[in-house]
Amino acid sequence: MRKVFYILPMLTLLFLSSCSENDEVGEYDNWRTRNQHYVDSIAALADAGKDGWTKIIAYNLIMREARTDLTNNHYIYVQKLENGAGEKHPEHNDSVRVHYLGRLIPSASFSQGKVFDKSYSTYTFNENTDVPKLMAVSSNIITGFSTAVQNMVEGDRWKVVIPYYLGYNPSVNPSSLVPDYSALIFDIKLVRLYRYKIDTDTTWH
């Protein structure tokens, strides 16, 4: 009998240890829910006017009639880091040069969020050495990014949170680096604006 009582506690410990290892939370477990909670938390700050957060409706919804079904996923959320001296906003057919870095929301392995795209040569922004990326405002750019750029002026630098609905929607997600239903967190600086058919020289110098 003594041996039985000695073995049982050992078996219990092994069982609990095994359960603990199997129950470990994966990097992207409950990913859609976690991302929605993140967006909702930032939306609450923007609605309350806290920590400098504001919200902007997606540009492709602006021209539509007033809607009553808008959710937190129909807006981007902006925290202004630097105010530029420019006076004009890019339009949908213009081109721009921007510095940017895109992250996912914080996760177990990435406390600041995994970087999935960047224009920087390293992971640290250096305006003296990095060449801003040239892109068309509304061509091959996700809706949330385009919305942000069209509301900026030259010199603006923003932190932007983009819900999945305005980012890489699961039905059109081309990136293996971005899991479906991911909110995107961008650091964007608008460096140069090129007006359509006017500023034809887009060479960086």
N, C-alpha and C. Protein backbone atom coordinates (compact mmCIF):
# COMPACT_ATOMS: atom_id res chain seq x y z
N MET A 1 0.82 -1.21 0.00
CA MET A 1 0.00 0.00 0.00
C MET A 1 0.85 1.26 0.00
N ARG A 2 1.95 1.18 0.69
CA ARG A 2 2.81 2.36 0.73
C ARG A 2 3.31 2.73 -0.67
N LYS A 3 3.64 1.69 -1.47
CA LYS A 3 4.12 1.94 -2.82
C LYS A 3 3.06 2.61 -3.67
N VAL A 4 1.83 2.21 -3.48
CA VAL A 4 0.73 2.80 -4.26
C VAL A 4 0.61 4.28 -3.97
N PHE A 5 0.64 4.66 -2.70
CA PHE A 5 0.51 6.06 -2.33
C PHE A 5 1.73 6.86 -2.75
N TYR A 6 2.84 6.21 -2.94
CA TYR A 6 4.06 6.89 -3.37
C TYR A 6 4.00 7.17 -4.88
N ILE A 7 3.46 6.24 -5.62
CA ILE A 7 3.43 6.37 -7.08
C ILE A 7 2.37 7.36 -7.54
N LEU A 8 1.20 7.37 -6.89
CA LEU A 8 0.11 8.24 -7.34
C LEU A 8 0.49 9.72 -7.42
N PRO A 9 1.15 10.29 -6.42
CA PRO A 9 1.53 11.70 -6.54
C PRO A 9 2.44 11.95 -7.73
N MET A 10 3.35 10.99 -8.04
CA MET A 10 4.24 11.15 -9.17
C MET A 10 3.46 11.16 -10.49
N LEU A 11 2.47 10.27 -10.59
CA LEU A 11 1.64 10.23 -11.79
C LEU A 11 0.85 11.53 -11.95
N THR A 12 0.37 12.05 -10.84
CA THR A 12 -0.39 13.31 -10.87
C THR A 12 0.47 14.45 -11.38
N LEU A 13 1.71 14.52 -10.89
CA LEU A 13 2.62 15.58 -11.33
C LEU A 13 2.91 15.49 -12.82
N LEU A 14 3.13 14.26 -13.30
CA LEU A 14 3.40 14.06 -14.72
C LEU A 14 2.20 14.48 -15.56
N PHE A 15 0.99 14.14 -15.10
CA PHE A 15 -0.23 14.50 -15.82
C PHE A 15 -0.41 16.01 -15.89
N LEU A 16 -0.21 16.68 -14.77
CA LEU A 16 -0.35 18.13 -14.73
C LEU A 16 0.69 18.81 -15.59
N SER A 17 1.92 18.27 -15.57
CA SER A 17 2.98 18.84 -16.39
C SER A 17 2.65 18.71 -17.86
N SER A 18 2.13 17.56 -18.26
CA SER A 18 1.76 17.32 -19.65
C SER A 18 0.65 18.26 -20.09
N CYS A 19 -0.35 18.45 -19.23
CA CYS A 19 -1.47 19.35 -19.56
C CYS A 19 -0.98 20.78 -19.70
N SER A 20 -0.06 21.19 -18.83
CA SER A 20 0.46 22.55 -18.86
C SER A 20 1.16 22.83 -20.18
N GLU A 21 1.95 21.85 -20.67
CA GLU A 21 2.67 22.04 -21.92
C GLU A 21 1.72 22.09 -23.10
N ASN A 22 0.70 21.25 -23.09
CA ASN A 22 -0.24 21.19 -24.20
C ASN A 22 -1.16 22.40 -24.23
N ASP A 23 -1.38 23.04 -23.09
CA ASP A 23 -2.29 24.18 -23.02
C ASP A 23 -1.60 25.51 -23.30
N GLU A 24 -0.32 25.47 -23.61
CA GLU A 24 0.42 26.70 -23.88
C GLU A 24 -0.23 27.46 -25.04
N VAL A 25 -0.40 28.78 -24.90
CA VAL A 25 -1.07 29.59 -25.91
C VAL A 25 -0.14 29.78 -27.11
N GLY A 26 -0.66 29.48 -28.30
CA GLY A 26 0.13 29.65 -29.52
C GLY A 26 0.21 31.11 -29.94
N GLU A 27 1.15 31.39 -30.81
CA GLU A 27 1.39 32.76 -31.27
C GLU A 27 0.12 33.41 -31.82
N TYR A 28 -0.64 32.66 -32.59
CA TYR A 28 -1.81 33.22 -33.25
C TYR A 28 -3.13 32.59 -32.82
N ASP A 29 -3.15 31.97 -31.64
CA ASP A 29 -4.40 31.42 -31.12
C ASP A 29 -5.42 32.55 -30.89
N ASN A 30 -6.68 32.30 -31.22
CA ASN A 30 -7.75 33.30 -31.05
C ASN A 30 -7.36 34.63 -31.69
N TRP A 31 -6.67 34.54 -32.81
CA TRP A 31 -6.07 35.73 -33.43
C TRP A 31 -7.12 36.76 -33.84
N ARG A 32 -8.21 36.33 -34.44
CA ARG A 32 -9.22 37.29 -34.87
C ARG A 32 -9.80 38.04 -33.67
N THR A 33 -10.12 37.32 -32.62
CA THR A 33 -10.67 37.94 -31.42
C THR A 33 -9.67 38.89 -30.76
N ARG A 34 -8.43 38.47 -30.67
CA ARG A 34 -7.41 39.32 -30.06
C ARG A 34 -7.20 40.60 -30.84
N ASN A 35 -7.21 40.49 -32.16
CA ASN A 35 -7.05 41.68 -33.00
C ASN A 35 -8.24 42.62 -32.89
N GLN A 36 -9.45 42.04 -32.83
CA GLN A 36 -10.63 42.89 -32.69
C GLN A 36 -10.63 43.61 -31.35
N HIS A 37 -10.21 42.93 -30.30
CA HIS A 37 -10.12 43.58 -29.00
C HIS A 37 -9.12 44.72 -29.03
N TYR A 38 -8.01 44.53 -29.73
CA TYR A 38 -7.01 45.59 -29.83
C TYR A 38 -7.58 46.81 -30.54
N VAL A 39 -8.23 46.57 -31.69
CA VAL A 39 -8.84 47.69 -32.44
C VAL A 39 -9.89 48.39 -31.60
N ASP A 40 -10.73 47.62 -30.91
CA ASP A 40 -11.79 48.22 -30.09
C ASP A 40 -11.20 49.06 -28.96
N SER A 41 -10.06 48.63 -28.41
CA SER A 41 -9.44 49.40 -27.32
C SER A 41 -8.90 50.73 -27.83
N ILE A 42 -8.32 50.72 -29.03
CA ILE A 42 -7.83 51.96 -29.62
C ILE A 42 -9.00 52.86 -30.02
N ALA A 43 -10.07 52.26 -30.54
CA ALA A 43 -11.27 53.02 -30.90
C ALA A 43 -11.85 53.72 -29.69
N ALA A 44 -11.84 53.04 -28.55
CA ALA A 44 -12.35 53.65 -27.31
C ALA A 44 -11.52 54.87 -26.92
N LEU A 45 -10.21 54.78 -27.09
CA LEU A 45 -9.33 55.93 -26.79
C LEU A 45 -9.63 57.09 -27.74
N ALA A 46 -9.82 56.76 -29.03
CA ALA A 46 -10.11 57.80 -30.01
C ALA A 46 -11.45 58.47 -29.73
N ASP A 47 -12.47 57.67 -29.39
CA ASP A 47 -13.79 58.23 -29.09
C ASP A 47 -13.76 59.12 -27.85
N ALA A 48 -12.87 58.79 -26.92
CA ALA A 48 -12.77 59.57 -25.69
C ALA A 48 -11.75 60.70 -25.82
N GLY A 49 -11.06 60.77 -26.95
CA GLY A 49 -10.06 61.82 -27.16
C GLY A 49 -8.85 61.67 -26.25
N LYS A 50 -8.47 60.42 -25.96
CA LYS A 50 -7.35 60.17 -25.04
C LYS A 50 -6.08 59.81 -25.78
N ASP A 51 -4.95 60.16 -25.17
CA ASP A 51 -3.62 59.79 -25.66
C ASP A 51 -3.36 60.25 -27.10
N GLY A 52 -4.08 61.27 -27.54
CA GLY A 52 -3.85 61.82 -28.87
C GLY A 52 -4.45 61.03 -30.01
N TRP A 53 -5.26 60.01 -29.71
CA TRP A 53 -5.85 59.19 -30.76
C TRP A 53 -7.08 59.86 -31.38
N THR A 54 -7.16 59.80 -32.70
CA THR A 54 -8.34 60.25 -33.44
C THR A 54 -8.68 59.17 -34.47
N LYS A 55 -9.85 59.29 -35.09
CA LYS A 55 -10.23 58.30 -36.10
C LYS A 55 -10.65 58.98 -37.38
N ILE A 56 -10.44 58.26 -38.50
CA ILE A 56 -10.75 58.77 -39.83
C ILE A 56 -11.49 57.67 -40.58
N ILE A 57 -12.61 58.00 -41.17
CA ILE A 57 -13.38 57.01 -41.91
C ILE A 57 -12.64 56.64 -43.19
N ALA A 58 -12.76 55.40 -43.62
CA ALA A 58 -12.08 54.93 -44.82
C ALA A 58 -12.46 55.78 -46.03
N TYR A 59 -11.48 56.12 -46.86
CA TYR A 59 -11.72 57.05 -47.94
C TYR A 59 -12.77 56.56 -48.93
N ASN A 60 -12.87 55.25 -49.15
CA ASN A 60 -13.85 54.75 -50.11
C ASN A 60 -15.27 54.74 -49.56
N LEU A 61 -15.44 55.12 -48.29
CA LEU A 61 -16.77 55.25 -47.72
C LEU A 61 -17.23 56.71 -47.67
N ILE A 62 -16.29 57.62 -47.81
CA ILE A 62 -16.60 59.04 -47.68
C ILE A 62 -17.61 59.49 -48.73
N MET A 63 -17.47 58.98 -49.94
CA MET A 63 -18.31 59.43 -51.04
C MET A 63 -19.68 58.76 -51.06
N ARG A 64 -19.88 57.78 -50.21
CA ARG A 64 -21.17 57.09 -50.19
C ARG A 64 -22.18 57.84 -49.31
N GLU A 65 -23.42 57.47 -49.46
CA GLU A 65 -24.45 58.09 -48.63
C GLU A 65 -24.23 57.71 -47.16
N ALA A 66 -24.79 58.51 -46.28
CA ALA A 66 -24.62 58.25 -44.84
C ALA A 66 -25.06 56.84 -44.51
N ARG A 67 -24.24 56.15 -43.70
CA ARG A 67 -24.55 54.78 -43.34
C ARG A 67 -24.80 54.68 -41.84
N THR A 68 -25.61 53.72 -41.49
CA THR A 68 -25.91 53.52 -40.06
C THR A 68 -25.28 52.24 -39.53
N ASP A 69 -24.58 51.51 -40.42
CA ASP A 69 -24.00 50.23 -40.00
C ASP A 69 -22.50 50.30 -39.79
N LEU A 70 -21.95 51.49 -39.62
CA LEU A 70 -20.52 51.64 -39.44
C LEU A 70 -20.07 51.05 -38.11
N THR A 71 -18.95 50.35 -38.13
CA THR A 71 -18.36 49.76 -36.93
C THR A 71 -16.96 50.30 -36.75
N ASN A 72 -16.28 49.86 -35.72
CA ASN A 72 -14.89 50.28 -35.49
C ASN A 72 -13.99 49.86 -36.64
N ASN A 73 -14.40 48.86 -37.42
CA ASN A 73 -13.58 48.37 -38.52
C ASN A 73 -13.67 49.21 -39.78
N HIS A 74 -14.50 50.24 -39.78
CA HIS A 74 -14.63 51.12 -40.94
C HIS A 74 -13.78 52.38 -40.80
N TYR A 75 -13.00 52.47 -39.75
CA TYR A 75 -12.15 53.64 -39.51
C TYR A 75 -10.69 53.20 -39.35
N ILE A 76 -9.78 54.15 -39.61
CA ILE A 76 -8.40 53.99 -39.18
C ILE A 76 -8.21 54.87 -37.96
N TYR A 77 -7.19 54.56 -37.16
CA TYR A 77 -6.97 55.28 -35.91
C TYR A 77 -5.56 55.86 -35.93
N VAL A 78 -5.48 57.15 -35.64
CA VAL A 78 -4.26 57.91 -35.86
C VAL A 78 -3.76 58.57 -34.58
N GLN A 79 -2.46 58.46 -34.38
CA GLN A 79 -1.77 59.17 -33.31
C GLN A 79 -0.66 59.97 -33.99
N LYS A 80 -0.74 61.29 -33.96
CA LYS A 80 0.21 62.13 -34.68
C LYS A 80 1.51 62.25 -33.90
N LEU A 81 2.61 61.86 -34.56
CA LEU A 81 3.93 61.89 -33.93
C LEU A 81 4.70 63.16 -34.28
N GLU A 82 4.54 63.63 -35.53
CA GLU A 82 5.19 64.87 -35.98
C GLU A 82 4.24 65.60 -36.91
N ASN A 83 4.20 66.92 -36.80
CA ASN A 83 3.36 67.73 -37.68
C ASN A 83 4.21 68.34 -38.79
N GLY A 84 3.82 68.10 -40.02
CA GLY A 84 4.56 68.61 -41.16
C GLY A 84 4.20 70.05 -41.49
N ALA A 85 4.98 70.63 -42.40
CA ALA A 85 4.76 72.01 -42.81
C ALA A 85 4.04 72.10 -44.14
N GLY A 86 3.71 70.96 -44.73
CA GLY A 86 3.01 70.97 -46.01
C GLY A 86 1.61 71.54 -45.90
N GLU A 87 1.06 71.89 -47.05
CA GLU A 87 -0.28 72.50 -47.06
C GLU A 87 -1.29 71.70 -47.88
N LYS A 88 -0.80 70.78 -48.70
CA LYS A 88 -1.69 70.04 -49.60
C LYS A 88 -1.75 68.57 -49.23
N HIS A 89 -2.94 67.98 -49.39
CA HIS A 89 -3.12 66.56 -49.16
C HIS A 89 -3.04 65.80 -50.48
N PRO A 90 -2.43 64.66 -50.49
CA PRO A 90 -2.41 63.85 -51.72
C PRO A 90 -3.82 63.45 -52.12
N GLU A 91 -4.06 63.38 -53.41
CA GLU A 91 -5.32 62.90 -53.95
C GLU A 91 -5.13 61.48 -54.47
N HIS A 92 -6.23 60.82 -54.78
CA HIS A 92 -6.17 59.38 -55.05
C HIS A 92 -5.30 59.02 -56.25
N ASN A 93 -5.13 59.96 -57.22
CA ASN A 93 -4.33 59.63 -58.40
C ASN A 93 -2.91 60.21 -58.33
N ASP A 94 -2.52 60.77 -57.20
CA ASP A 94 -1.17 61.30 -57.01
C ASP A 94 -0.21 60.18 -56.61
N SER A 95 1.06 60.52 -56.57
CA SER A 95 2.09 59.62 -56.06
C SER A 95 2.78 60.29 -54.88
N VAL A 96 3.38 59.47 -54.03
CA VAL A 96 4.05 60.00 -52.84
C VAL A 96 5.33 59.21 -52.57
N ARG A 97 6.19 59.80 -51.77
CA ARG A 97 7.32 59.07 -51.19
C ARG A 97 7.11 59.04 -49.68
N VAL A 98 7.19 57.85 -49.11
CA VAL A 98 6.94 57.69 -47.68
C VAL A 98 7.99 56.78 -47.04
N HIS A 99 8.27 57.06 -45.78
CA HIS A 99 8.97 56.12 -44.91
C HIS A 99 7.89 55.38 -44.13
N TYR A 100 8.05 54.08 -43.95
CA TYR A 100 7.05 53.37 -43.16
C TYR A 100 7.62 52.08 -42.59
N LEU A 101 6.97 51.64 -41.52
CA LEU A 101 7.25 50.33 -40.94
C LEU A 101 5.92 49.77 -40.44
N GLY A 102 5.62 48.52 -40.84
CA GLY A 102 4.36 47.91 -40.46
C GLY A 102 4.56 46.75 -39.50
N ARG A 103 3.76 46.70 -38.44
CA ARG A 103 3.83 45.63 -37.46
C ARG A 103 2.46 45.00 -37.26
N LEU A 104 2.47 43.79 -36.71
CA LEU A 104 1.25 43.18 -36.20
C LEU A 104 1.06 43.62 -34.76
N ILE A 105 -0.05 43.24 -34.15
CA ILE A 105 -0.26 43.59 -32.74
C ILE A 105 0.73 42.80 -31.89
N PRO A 106 1.05 43.26 -30.68
CA PRO A 106 1.97 42.53 -29.80
C PRO A 106 1.51 41.09 -29.57
N SER A 107 2.48 40.18 -29.51
CA SER A 107 2.17 38.77 -29.29
C SER A 107 3.23 38.17 -28.38
N ALA A 108 3.12 36.87 -28.14
CA ALA A 108 4.00 36.21 -27.17
C ALA A 108 5.47 36.37 -27.52
N SER A 109 5.82 36.25 -28.78
CA SER A 109 7.23 36.32 -29.19
C SER A 109 7.68 37.72 -29.60
N PHE A 110 6.72 38.62 -29.81
CA PHE A 110 7.05 39.96 -30.30
C PHE A 110 6.31 41.00 -29.46
N SER A 111 6.99 41.52 -28.45
CA SER A 111 6.34 42.44 -27.51
C SER A 111 5.92 43.75 -28.18
N GLN A 112 6.60 44.14 -29.25
CA GLN A 112 6.25 45.36 -29.97
C GLN A 112 5.45 45.05 -31.24
N GLY A 113 5.21 43.77 -31.50
CA GLY A 113 4.52 43.38 -32.72
C GLY A 113 5.51 42.97 -33.80
N LYS A 114 5.24 41.87 -34.48
CA LYS A 114 6.13 41.38 -35.52
C LYS A 114 6.13 42.31 -36.73
N VAL A 115 7.32 42.68 -37.21
CA VAL A 115 7.44 43.53 -38.40
C VAL A 115 7.18 42.67 -39.64
N PHE A 116 6.27 43.12 -40.50
CA PHE A 116 5.96 42.37 -41.72
C PHE A 116 6.34 43.13 -42.98
N ASP A 117 6.60 44.43 -42.86
CA ASP A 117 6.99 45.22 -44.04
C ASP A 117 7.62 46.52 -43.57
N LYS A 118 8.56 47.04 -44.37
CA LYS A 118 9.21 48.30 -44.00
C LYS A 118 9.91 48.89 -45.21
N SER A 119 10.07 50.20 -45.18
CA SER A 119 10.86 50.89 -46.20
C SER A 119 12.27 51.16 -45.70
N TYR A 120 12.49 50.99 -44.39
CA TYR A 120 13.80 51.26 -43.80
C TYR A 120 14.81 50.20 -44.24
N SER A 121 16.08 50.60 -44.30
CA SER A 121 17.15 49.65 -44.62
C SER A 121 17.46 48.75 -43.42
N THR A 122 17.15 49.23 -42.22
CA THR A 122 17.29 48.43 -41.01
C THR A 122 15.95 48.48 -40.27
N TYR A 123 15.94 48.08 -39.01
CA TYR A 123 14.69 48.15 -38.24
C TYR A 123 14.58 49.47 -37.47
N THR A 124 15.56 50.35 -37.67
CA THR A 124 15.54 51.65 -37.02
C THR A 124 15.46 52.74 -38.07
N PHE A 125 14.51 53.63 -37.92
CA PHE A 125 14.29 54.70 -38.88
C PHE A 125 15.44 55.70 -38.83
N ASN A 126 16.08 55.94 -39.98
CA ASN A 126 17.14 56.92 -40.09
C ASN A 126 16.89 57.75 -41.34
N GLU A 127 16.35 58.92 -41.14
CA GLU A 127 15.94 59.76 -42.27
C GLU A 127 17.13 60.23 -43.10
N ASN A 128 18.31 60.23 -42.51
CA ASN A 128 19.50 60.69 -43.23
C ASN A 128 20.03 59.66 -44.23
N THR A 129 19.72 58.40 -44.01
CA THR A 129 20.25 57.35 -44.89
C THR A 129 19.16 56.58 -45.63
N ASP A 130 17.98 56.50 -45.08
CA ASP A 130 16.91 55.73 -45.73
C ASP A 130 16.25 56.51 -46.86
N VAL A 131 16.01 55.84 -47.96
CA VAL A 131 15.34 56.46 -49.10
C VAL A 131 13.85 56.15 -49.02
N PRO A 132 13.00 57.18 -48.99
CA PRO A 132 11.55 56.92 -48.89
C PRO A 132 11.04 56.20 -50.13
N LYS A 133 10.08 55.33 -49.91
CA LYS A 133 9.55 54.51 -51.00
C LYS A 133 8.55 55.30 -51.84
N LEU A 134 8.67 55.16 -53.15
CA LEU A 134 7.74 55.79 -54.09
C LEU A 134 6.55 54.87 -54.30
N MET A 135 5.34 55.41 -54.18
CA MET A 135 4.14 54.62 -54.43
C MET A 135 2.99 55.50 -54.90
N ALA A 136 2.10 54.89 -55.68
CA ALA A 136 0.87 55.58 -56.07
C ALA A 136 -0.10 55.52 -54.90
N VAL A 137 -0.83 56.59 -54.69
CA VAL A 137 -1.67 56.69 -53.50
C VAL A 137 -2.75 55.62 -53.46
N SER A 138 -3.37 55.31 -54.57
CA SER A 138 -4.51 54.39 -54.53
C SER A 138 -4.29 53.12 -55.33
N SER A 139 -3.10 52.88 -55.82
CA SER A 139 -2.84 51.69 -56.62
C SER A 139 -1.97 50.71 -55.85
N ASN A 140 -2.51 49.50 -55.65
CA ASN A 140 -1.78 48.43 -54.96
C ASN A 140 -1.42 48.80 -53.52
N ILE A 141 -2.23 49.62 -52.90
CA ILE A 141 -2.04 49.99 -51.50
C ILE A 141 -3.32 49.63 -50.75
N ILE A 142 -3.19 49.09 -49.57
CA ILE A 142 -4.39 48.74 -48.82
C ILE A 142 -5.19 49.99 -48.47
N THR A 143 -6.48 49.82 -48.33
CA THR A 143 -7.39 50.96 -48.11
C THR A 143 -7.00 51.80 -46.91
N GLY A 144 -6.65 51.17 -45.80
CA GLY A 144 -6.30 51.93 -44.60
C GLY A 144 -5.06 52.78 -44.77
N PHE A 145 -4.06 52.25 -45.46
CA PHE A 145 -2.83 53.00 -45.71
C PHE A 145 -3.12 54.19 -46.62
N SER A 146 -3.88 53.95 -47.69
CA SER A 146 -4.25 55.01 -48.62
C SER A 146 -5.06 56.10 -47.92
N THR A 147 -5.96 55.70 -47.03
CA THR A 147 -6.75 56.67 -46.27
C THR A 147 -5.85 57.56 -45.43
N ALA A 148 -4.88 56.96 -44.77
CA ALA A 148 -3.96 57.74 -43.94
C ALA A 148 -3.19 58.74 -44.78
N VAL A 149 -2.59 58.28 -45.87
CA VAL A 149 -1.76 59.15 -46.71
C VAL A 149 -2.55 60.32 -47.26
N GLN A 150 -3.81 60.07 -47.67
CA GLN A 150 -4.61 61.15 -48.25
C GLN A 150 -5.03 62.20 -47.23
N ASN A 151 -4.84 61.91 -45.96
CA ASN A 151 -5.16 62.89 -44.92
C ASN A 151 -3.91 63.56 -44.33
N MET A 152 -2.75 63.22 -44.86
CA MET A 152 -1.50 63.79 -44.36
C MET A 152 -1.03 64.92 -45.25
N VAL A 153 -0.08 65.70 -44.74
CA VAL A 153 0.65 66.68 -45.55
C VAL A 153 2.13 66.35 -45.44
N GLU A 154 2.92 66.90 -46.33
CA GLU A 154 4.35 66.63 -46.31
C GLU A 154 4.95 66.96 -44.94
N GLY A 155 5.71 66.02 -44.42
CA GLY A 155 6.35 66.21 -43.12
C GLY A 155 5.60 65.55 -41.98
N ASP A 156 4.33 65.20 -42.19
CA ASP A 156 3.57 64.50 -41.15
C ASP A 156 4.16 63.12 -40.90
N ARG A 157 4.19 62.74 -39.62
CA ARG A 157 4.54 61.37 -39.25
C ARG A 157 3.47 60.88 -38.29
N TRP A 158 2.82 59.77 -38.65
CA TRP A 158 1.70 59.25 -37.87
C TRP A 158 1.92 57.80 -37.47
N LYS A 159 1.39 57.45 -36.33
CA LYS A 159 1.19 56.04 -35.98
C LYS A 159 -0.25 55.73 -36.35
N VAL A 160 -0.45 54.67 -37.13
CA VAL A 160 -1.77 54.37 -37.67
C VAL A 160 -2.14 52.92 -37.37
N VAL A 161 -3.32 52.72 -36.81
CA VAL A 161 -3.84 51.38 -36.58
C VAL A 161 -4.94 51.13 -37.61
N ILE A 162 -4.79 50.03 -38.37
CA ILE A 162 -5.71 49.71 -39.45
C ILE A 162 -6.40 48.38 -39.17
N PRO A 163 -7.71 48.36 -39.00
CA PRO A 163 -8.43 47.08 -38.82
C PRO A 163 -8.26 46.19 -40.04
N TYR A 164 -8.42 44.89 -39.85
CA TYR A 164 -8.23 43.94 -40.97
C TYR A 164 -9.13 44.28 -42.15
N TYR A 165 -10.33 44.79 -41.87
CA TYR A 165 -11.30 45.09 -42.93
C TYR A 165 -10.75 46.12 -43.92
N LEU A 166 -9.85 46.99 -43.44
CA LEU A 166 -9.24 48.02 -44.30
C LEU A 166 -7.79 47.68 -44.61
N GLY A 167 -7.38 46.47 -44.22
CA GLY A 167 -6.01 46.03 -44.46
C GLY A 167 -6.00 44.86 -45.40
N TYR A 168 -5.40 43.75 -44.95
CA TYR A 168 -5.36 42.54 -45.76
C TYR A 168 -6.57 41.68 -45.43
N ASN A 169 -7.68 42.01 -46.05
CA ASN A 169 -8.90 41.22 -45.87
C ASN A 169 -8.61 39.77 -46.25
N PRO A 170 -9.09 38.80 -45.47
CA PRO A 170 -8.78 37.40 -45.74
C PRO A 170 -9.02 36.96 -47.18
N SER A 171 -9.99 37.56 -47.86
CA SER A 171 -10.31 37.13 -49.22
C SER A 171 -9.29 37.60 -50.25
N VAL A 172 -8.47 38.60 -49.86
CA VAL A 172 -7.50 39.15 -50.83
C VAL A 172 -6.12 39.28 -50.22
N ASN A 173 -5.83 38.54 -49.16
CA ASN A 173 -4.56 38.65 -48.47
C ASN A 173 -3.43 38.03 -49.29
N PRO A 174 -2.48 38.84 -49.80
CA PRO A 174 -1.41 38.30 -50.63
C PRO A 174 -0.16 37.94 -49.84
N SER A 175 -0.15 38.24 -48.55
CA SER A 175 1.09 38.13 -47.77
C SER A 175 1.04 36.95 -46.80
N SER A 176 2.05 36.09 -46.91
CA SER A 176 2.16 34.97 -45.97
C SER A 176 2.67 35.44 -44.61
N LEU A 177 3.16 36.67 -44.55
CA LEU A 177 3.69 37.21 -43.30
C LEU A 177 2.59 37.81 -42.43
N VAL A 178 1.40 37.97 -42.99
CA VAL A 178 0.30 38.59 -42.27
C VAL A 178 -0.84 37.59 -42.14
N PRO A 179 -1.08 37.05 -40.94
CA PRO A 179 -2.19 36.11 -40.75
C PRO A 179 -3.54 36.78 -41.04
N ASP A 180 -4.50 36.00 -41.45
CA ASP A 180 -5.85 36.53 -41.70
C ASP A 180 -6.39 37.23 -40.44
N TYR A 181 -7.17 38.27 -40.68
CA TYR A 181 -7.83 39.05 -39.62
C TYR A 181 -6.85 39.86 -38.76
N SER A 182 -5.70 40.18 -39.34
CA SER A 182 -4.71 40.96 -38.59
C SER A 182 -4.99 42.46 -38.68
N ALA A 183 -5.00 43.12 -37.53
CA ALA A 183 -4.92 44.58 -37.51
C ALA A 183 -3.47 44.94 -37.81
N LEU A 184 -3.27 46.06 -38.48
CA LEU A 184 -1.93 46.48 -38.87
C LEU A 184 -1.58 47.78 -38.16
N ILE A 185 -0.35 47.86 -37.67
CA ILE A 185 0.12 49.07 -36.98
C ILE A 185 1.27 49.65 -37.79
N PHE A 186 1.06 50.83 -38.34
CA PHE A 186 2.07 51.46 -39.20
C PHE A 186 2.64 52.73 -38.56
N ASP A 187 3.92 52.92 -38.76
CA ASP A 187 4.58 54.21 -38.54
C ASP A 187 4.82 54.77 -39.94
N ILE A 188 4.16 55.88 -40.27
CA ILE A 188 4.22 56.43 -41.63
C ILE A 188 4.69 57.88 -41.59
N LYS A 189 5.65 58.22 -42.45
CA LYS A 189 6.02 59.62 -42.64
C LYS A 189 5.88 59.97 -44.11
N LEU A 190 5.06 60.98 -44.40
CA LEU A 190 4.89 61.46 -45.77
C LEU A 190 6.00 62.47 -46.07
N VAL A 191 6.87 62.12 -46.99
CA VAL A 191 8.05 62.94 -47.27
C VAL A 191 7.84 63.85 -48.46
N ARG A 192 7.24 63.32 -49.53
CA ARG A 192 7.11 64.09 -50.76
C ARG A 192 5.81 63.77 -51.46
N LEU A 193 5.18 64.78 -52.02
CA LEU A 193 3.94 64.63 -52.77
C LEU A 193 4.20 64.99 -54.23
N TYR A 194 3.75 64.14 -55.14
CA TYR A 194 3.88 64.39 -56.57
C TYR A 194 2.49 64.44 -57.19
N ARG A 195 2.13 65.62 -57.69
CA ARG A 195 0.82 65.78 -58.30
C ARG A 195 0.75 65.07 -59.65
N TYR A 196 -0.39 64.44 -59.88
CA TYR A 196 -0.62 63.67 -61.10
C TYR A 196 -0.49 64.55 -62.33
N LYS A 197 0.35 64.13 -63.29
CA LYS A 197 0.61 64.81 -64.57
C LYS A 197 1.25 66.18 -64.41
N ILE A 198 1.63 66.56 -63.20
CA ILE A 198 2.30 67.85 -62.99
C ILE A 198 3.74 67.62 -62.54
N ASP A 199 3.89 66.88 -61.46
CA ASP A 199 5.23 66.57 -60.96
C ASP A 199 5.68 65.25 -61.58
N THR A 200 6.24 65.33 -62.78
CA THR A 200 6.59 64.13 -63.52
C THR A 200 7.94 63.53 -63.13
N ASP A 201 8.80 64.31 -62.51
CA ASP A 201 10.09 63.81 -62.07
C ASP A 201 9.98 63.33 -60.63
N THR A 202 9.97 62.02 -60.44
CA THR A 202 9.81 61.46 -59.09
C THR A 202 11.14 60.90 -58.57
N THR A 203 12.24 61.27 -59.23
CA THR A 203 13.55 60.81 -58.77
C THR A 203 13.87 61.37 -57.40
N TRP A 204 14.42 60.53 -56.54
CA TRP A 204 14.77 60.98 -55.19
C TRP A 204 16.16 61.62 -55.21
N HIS A 205 16.22 62.86 -54.74
CA HIS A 205 17.51 63.57 -54.68
C HIS A 205 17.44 64.64 -53.60
